[in-house]
Structure formats: C-alpha cells, structure tokens
Amino acid sequence: MYFRIIRPTAADFDANLKFLKAAFVGSDDPKGEFEETRDKLLNQGASFYLLSGKGVKLWFAGKAMSDGGYHIIALAGRGYVMEGALYIIERVAACGYPFVTCHTYRKGMRRIFNRLGATEEQVRELTNTSETKHRLNLMDETGGLNG
C-alpha cells in the first residue's frame, strides 16, 4: 500500500477533498463539519492522505493530539476498507502513538473499529443514527505494541 500526503498546495487538493465528504454522512451538520475539517487541513492543524493499493482507496484526515494520541478526523473510501484501516493503524503505531481515536456516524466504521478491539462510547443520539467515539490502544501496559 502507498500513502500520499495531499498538501493544500497540490493541484488536485480540492478534487481529493471532495471524496472526504462521505465521512460526514449522518451528521446533523455535514457541511459544517466538512468545512471545519477543510479549515484544519488548510491551516496545517491536520494532515490529509490518500492510501491506495490493490483493491483499496482511502482518503483520510488526521492529527496528533495533545494527549499523545492520534485522531482520525475523517475517513472515506472504497474497496477493502478494513485492510486499509489496519494499514493506517499499523503506521500510526509505528510512529509511536500509544492510541488512535475517531468519531463516526457510520455503522461500517463502527464495525471496523469494534473488530479491531476499540472501546466505543456513544457521544450523542441523532435522528437516524448516533455519533460514537472509538479508542484503540496500540500499546500494552509495558509500552510494547498490542498484538
């Protein structure tokens, strides 16, 4: 698999950014959350990546948090999303982050994080779905990588 960082100065930044809109489906303010994410990417408060490989194409925005973890702000794509998510998590762990977090409105993303062993808590109930927060610990109690 191959990671490409998509910088705001890239000619195809806006074209790639459109693919990230799907991550906000289910939100009570998808346009507002998308615009907030775009602002974070433009002001270097977050990074934007395209992960591509055989059978997978994922766009995601993420950032290092002050509590030491890595937060996936938005993730959208097609193909083997589970395999792509595993690869992202492996890279986050290799960078030394002790845990990864995300919020989601999507049942599919909930299933992926739950299969990986993440904890889940409901943040709020919405009309047709709910927003959940997930945390996946990447290190064990001794500071080694989780299995």
C-alpha atoms as a PDB file:
ATOM      1  CA  MET A   1       0.000   0.000   0.000  1.00  0.00           C
ATOM      2  CA  TYR A   2       1.094   3.516  -0.677  1.00  0.00           C
ATOM      3  CA  PHE A   3       0.472   6.709   1.324  1.00  0.00           C
ATOM      4  CA  ARG A   4       0.349  10.027  -0.445  1.00  0.00           C
ATOM      5  CA  ILE A   5       0.173  13.212   1.572  1.00  0.00           C
ATOM      6  CA  ILE A   6      -2.127  15.677  -0.145  1.00  0.00           C
ATOM      7  CA  ARG A   7      -0.961  19.178   0.658  1.00  0.00           C
ATOM      8  CA  PRO A   8      -3.269  22.194   0.300  1.00  0.00           C
ATOM      9  CA  THR A   9      -0.916  23.499  -2.404  1.00  0.00           C
ATOM     10  CA  ALA A  10      -1.386  20.377  -4.559  1.00  0.00           C
ATOM     11  CA  ALA A  11      -3.219  20.994  -7.817  1.00  0.00           C
ATOM     12  CA  ASP A  12      -5.645  18.172  -7.029  1.00  0.00           C
ATOM     13  CA  PHE A  13      -6.273  19.087  -3.362  1.00  0.00           C
ATOM     14  CA  ASP A  14      -9.903  20.153  -3.900  1.00  0.00           C
ATOM     15  CA  ALA A  15     -10.654  17.182  -6.156  1.00  0.00           C
ATOM     16  CA  ASN A  16      -9.370  14.754  -3.499  1.00  0.00           C
ATOM     17  CA  LEU A  17     -11.057  16.647  -0.688  1.00  0.00           C
ATOM     18  CA  LYS A  18     -14.471  16.007  -2.273  1.00  0.00           C
ATOM     19  CA  PHE A  19     -14.041  12.289  -1.578  1.00  0.00           C
ATOM     20  CA  LEU A  20     -13.834  13.034   2.151  1.00  0.00           C
ATOM     21  CA  LYS A  21     -17.396  14.404   2.219  1.00  0.00           C
ATOM     22  CA  ALA A  22     -18.797  10.879   2.560  1.00  0.00           C
ATOM     23  CA  ALA A  23     -17.266  10.634   6.046  1.00  0.00           C
ATOM     24  CA  PHE A  24     -19.777  13.176   7.335  1.00  0.00           C
ATOM     25  CA  VAL A  25     -22.950  11.475   6.091  1.00  0.00           C
ATOM     26  CA  GLY A  26     -25.215  11.024   9.103  1.00  0.00           C
ATOM     27  CA  SER A  27     -24.045  14.143  10.906  1.00  0.00           C
ATOM     28  CA  ASP A  28     -26.598  16.737  11.883  1.00  0.00           C
ATOM     29  CA  ASP A  29     -24.283  19.312  10.210  1.00  0.00           C
ATOM     30  CA  PRO A  30     -22.304  17.512   7.480  1.00  0.00           C
ATOM     31  CA  LYS A  31     -21.471  20.691   5.598  1.00  0.00           C
ATOM     32  CA  GLY A  32     -20.253  22.456   8.738  1.00  0.00           C
ATOM     33  CA  GLU A  33     -18.102  19.505   9.833  1.00  0.00           C
ATOM     34  CA  PHE A  34     -16.657  19.161   6.341  1.00  0.00           C
ATOM     35  CA  GLU A  35     -15.795  22.862   6.225  1.00  0.00           C
ATOM     36  CA  GLU A  36     -14.225  22.678   9.710  1.00  0.00           C
ATOM     37  CA  THR A  37     -12.068  19.763   8.551  1.00  0.00           C
ATOM     38  CA  ARG A  38     -11.096  21.627   5.376  1.00  0.00           C
ATOM     39  CA  ASP A  39     -10.069  24.616   7.511  1.00  0.00           C
ATOM     40  CA  LYS A  40      -7.890  22.364   9.696  1.00  0.00           C
ATOM     41  CA  LEU A  41      -6.215  20.974   6.593  1.00  0.00           C
ATOM     42  CA  LEU A  42      -5.658  24.417   5.072  1.00  0.00           C
ATOM     43  CA  ASN A  43      -4.236  25.846   8.297  1.00  0.00           C
ATOM     44  CA  GLN A  44      -1.976  22.846   8.976  1.00  0.00           C
ATOM     45  CA  GLY A  45      -3.903  21.770  12.050  1.00  0.00           C
ATOM     46  CA  ALA A  46      -4.283  18.362  10.393  1.00  0.00           C
ATOM     47  CA  SER A  47      -2.866  16.301   7.547  1.00  0.00           C
ATOM     48  CA  PHE A  48      -4.633  14.797   4.549  1.00  0.00           C
ATOM     49  CA  TYR A  49      -3.680  11.462   2.982  1.00  0.00           C
ATOM     50  CA  LEU A  50      -4.651   9.113   0.209  1.00  0.00           C
ATOM     51  CA  LEU A  51      -3.957   5.443   0.880  1.00  0.00           C
ATOM     52  CA  SER A  52      -4.064   3.334  -2.230  1.00  0.00           C
ATOM     53  CA  GLY A  53      -3.177  -0.225  -3.025  1.00  0.00           C
ATOM     54  CA  LYS A  54      -4.589  -3.349  -4.542  1.00  0.00           C
ATOM     55  CA  GLY A  55      -8.335  -3.118  -4.044  1.00  0.00           C
ATOM     56  CA  VAL A  56      -8.333  -0.129  -1.672  1.00  0.00           C
ATOM     57  CA  LYS A  57      -8.512   3.630  -1.974  1.00  0.00           C
ATOM     58  CA  LEU A  58      -8.981   5.623   1.247  1.00  0.00           C
ATOM     59  CA  TRP A  59      -8.869   9.346   1.882  1.00  0.00           C
ATOM     60  CA  PHE A  60      -8.353  10.405   5.468  1.00  0.00           C
ATOM     61  CA  ALA A  61      -7.552  13.410   7.603  1.00  0.00           C
ATOM     62  CA  GLY A  62      -5.838  13.062  10.937  1.00  0.00           C
ATOM     63  CA  LYS A  63      -3.781  14.863  13.521  1.00  0.00           C
ATOM     64  CA  ALA A  64      -1.575  14.317  16.527  1.00  0.00           C
ATOM     65  CA  MET A  65      -3.358  15.229  19.741  1.00  0.00           C
ATOM     66  CA  SER A  66      -2.008  16.973  22.827  1.00  0.00           C
ATOM     67  CA  ASP A  67      -2.794  13.862  24.917  1.00  0.00           C
ATOM     68  CA  GLY A  68      -0.254  11.877  22.879  1.00  0.00           C
ATOM     69  CA  GLY A  69      -2.705  10.005  20.677  1.00  0.00           C
ATOM     70  CA  TYR A  70      -3.566  10.251  17.014  1.00  0.00           C
ATOM     71  CA  HIS A  71      -7.077  11.273  15.970  1.00  0.00           C
ATOM     72  CA  ILE A  72      -8.597  10.268  12.653  1.00  0.00           C
ATOM     73  CA  ILE A  73     -10.827  13.219  11.863  1.00  0.00           C
ATOM     74  CA  ALA A  74     -12.440  11.713   8.772  1.00  0.00           C
ATOM     75  CA  LEU A  75     -12.021   8.588   6.662  1.00  0.00           C
ATOM     76  CA  ALA A  76     -13.821   7.682   3.456  1.00  0.00           C
ATOM     77  CA  GLY A  77     -13.126   5.433   0.540  1.00  0.00           C
ATOM     78  CA  ARG A  78     -13.842   2.270  -1.293  1.00  0.00           C
ATOM     79  CA  GLY A  79     -12.620  -1.241  -1.651  1.00  0.00           C
ATOM     80  CA  TYR A  80     -11.134  -3.234   1.202  1.00  0.00           C
ATOM     81  CA  VAL A  81     -11.683  -0.602   3.886  1.00  0.00           C
ATOM     82  CA  MET A  82     -10.847  -2.988   6.751  1.00  0.00           C
ATOM     83  CA  GLU A  83      -7.435  -3.793   5.240  1.00  0.00           C
ATOM     84  CA  GLY A  84      -6.801  -0.103   4.644  1.00  0.00           C
ATOM     85  CA  ALA A  85      -7.799   0.796   8.196  1.00  0.00           C
ATOM     86  CA  LEU A  86      -5.448  -1.894   9.533  1.00  0.00           C
ATOM     87  CA  TYR A  87      -2.611  -0.453   7.475  1.00  0.00           C
ATOM     88  CA  ILE A  88      -3.303   3.066   8.737  1.00  0.00           C
ATOM     89  CA  ILE A  89      -3.337   1.819  12.331  1.00  0.00           C
ATOM     90  CA  GLU A  90      -0.059  -0.071  11.815  1.00  0.00           C
ATOM     91  CA  ARG A  91       1.573   3.118  10.507  1.00  0.00           C
ATOM     92  CA  VAL A  92       0.195   5.169  13.414  1.00  0.00           C
ATOM     93  CA  ALA A  93       1.604   2.595  15.855  1.00  0.00           C
ATOM     94  CA  ALA A  94       4.966   2.601  14.040  1.00  0.00           C
ATOM     95  CA  CYS A  95       5.109   6.373  14.566  1.00  0.00           C
ATOM     96  CA  GLY A  96       4.928   5.736  18.315  1.00  0.00           C
ATOM     97  CA  TYR A  97       1.403   6.863  19.079  1.00  0.00           C
ATOM     98  CA  PRO A  98       0.000   4.874  22.032  1.00  0.00           C
ATOM     99  CA  PHE A  99      -3.602   5.024  20.805  1.00  0.00           C
ATOM    100  CA  VAL A 100      -5.822   6.158  17.961  1.00  0.00           C
ATOM    101  CA  THR A 101      -9.274   7.717  18.258  1.00  0.00           C
ATOM    102  CA  CYS A 102     -12.091   8.628  15.907  1.00  0.00           C
ATOM    103  CA  HIS A 103     -15.712   9.720  15.918  1.00  0.00           C
ATOM    104  CA  THR A 104     -18.165   8.238  13.453  1.00  0.00           C
ATOM    105  CA  TYR A 105     -21.799   8.250  12.364  1.00  0.00           C
ATOM    106  CA  ARG A 106     -21.328   5.245  10.106  1.00  0.00           C
ATOM    107  CA  LYS A 107     -22.233   1.682  11.079  1.00  0.00           C
ATOM    108  CA  GLY A 108     -19.488   0.283   8.871  1.00  0.00           C
ATOM    109  CA  MET A 109     -16.778   2.296  10.609  1.00  0.00           C
ATOM    110  CA  ARG A 110     -18.191   1.241  13.991  1.00  0.00           C
ATOM    111  CA  ARG A 111     -17.915  -2.397  12.957  1.00  0.00           C
ATOM    112  CA  ILE A 112     -14.325  -1.939  11.767  1.00  0.00           C
ATOM    113  CA  PHE A 113     -13.156  -0.287  14.975  1.00  0.00           C
ATOM    114  CA  ASN A 114     -15.047  -2.765  17.150  1.00  0.00           C
ATOM    115  CA  ARG A 115     -13.487  -5.709  15.275  1.00  0.00           C
ATOM    116  CA  LEU A 116     -10.072  -4.209  15.966  1.00  0.00           C
ATOM    117  CA  GLY A 117     -10.821  -4.146  19.701  1.00  0.00           C
ATOM    118  CA  ALA A 118     -11.537  -0.441  20.148  1.00  0.00           C
ATOM    119  CA  THR A 119     -13.663   0.799  23.005  1.00  0.00           C
ATOM    120  CA  GLU A 120     -16.851   2.584  21.992  1.00  0.00           C
ATOM    121  CA  GLU A 121     -18.935   5.215  23.706  1.00  0.00           C
ATOM    122  CA  GLN A 122     -21.986   6.996  22.425  1.00  0.00           C
ATOM    123  CA  VAL A 123     -21.451  10.730  22.154  1.00  0.00           C
ATOM    124  CA  ARG A 124     -24.944  11.735  21.091  1.00  0.00           C
ATOM    125  CA  GLU A 125     -28.117  10.375  19.554  1.00  0.00           C
ATOM    126  CA  LEU A 126     -29.201  11.860  16.234  1.00  0.00           C
ATOM    127  CA  THR A 127     -32.398  11.441  14.208  1.00  0.00           C
ATOM    128  CA  ASN A 128     -31.393   8.390  12.150  1.00  0.00           C
ATOM    129  CA  THR A 129     -28.131   7.361  13.801  1.00  0.00           C
ATOM    130  CA  SER A 130     -25.803   8.185  16.641  1.00  0.00           C
ATOM    131  CA  GLU A 131     -22.327   9.614  16.922  1.00  0.00           C
ATOM    132  CA  THR A 132     -19.869   7.297  18.614  1.00  0.00           C
ATOM    133  CA  LYS A 133     -16.312   7.795  19.795  1.00  0.00           C
ATOM    134  CA  HIS A 134     -13.779   4.986  19.487  1.00  0.00           C
ATOM    135  CA  ARG A 135     -10.379   4.493  21.078  1.00  0.00           C
ATOM    136  CA  LEU A 136      -7.963   1.776  20.084  1.00  0.00           C
ATOM    137  CA  ASN A 137      -4.977   1.264  22.369  1.00  0.00           C
ATOM    138  CA  LEU A 138      -1.876   0.457  20.321  1.00  0.00           C
ATOM    139  CA  MET A 139       0.496  -0.195  23.224  1.00  0.00           C
ATOM    140  CA  ASP A 140       0.221  -2.637  26.090  1.00  0.00           C
ATOM    141  CA  GLU A 141       0.922  -1.779  29.734  1.00  0.00           C
ATOM    142  CA  THR A 142       4.686  -2.220  29.203  1.00  0.00           C
ATOM    143  CA  GLY A 143       4.789   0.177  26.276  1.00  0.00           C
ATOM    144  CA  GLY A 144       5.028  -2.590  23.649  1.00  0.00           C
ATOM    145  CA  LEU A 145       2.784  -2.856  20.624  1.00  0.00           C
ATOM    146  CA  ASN A 146      -0.539  -4.638  21.153  1.00  0.00           C
ATOM    147  CA  GLY A 147      -0.842  -7.945  19.308  1.00  0.00           C
END
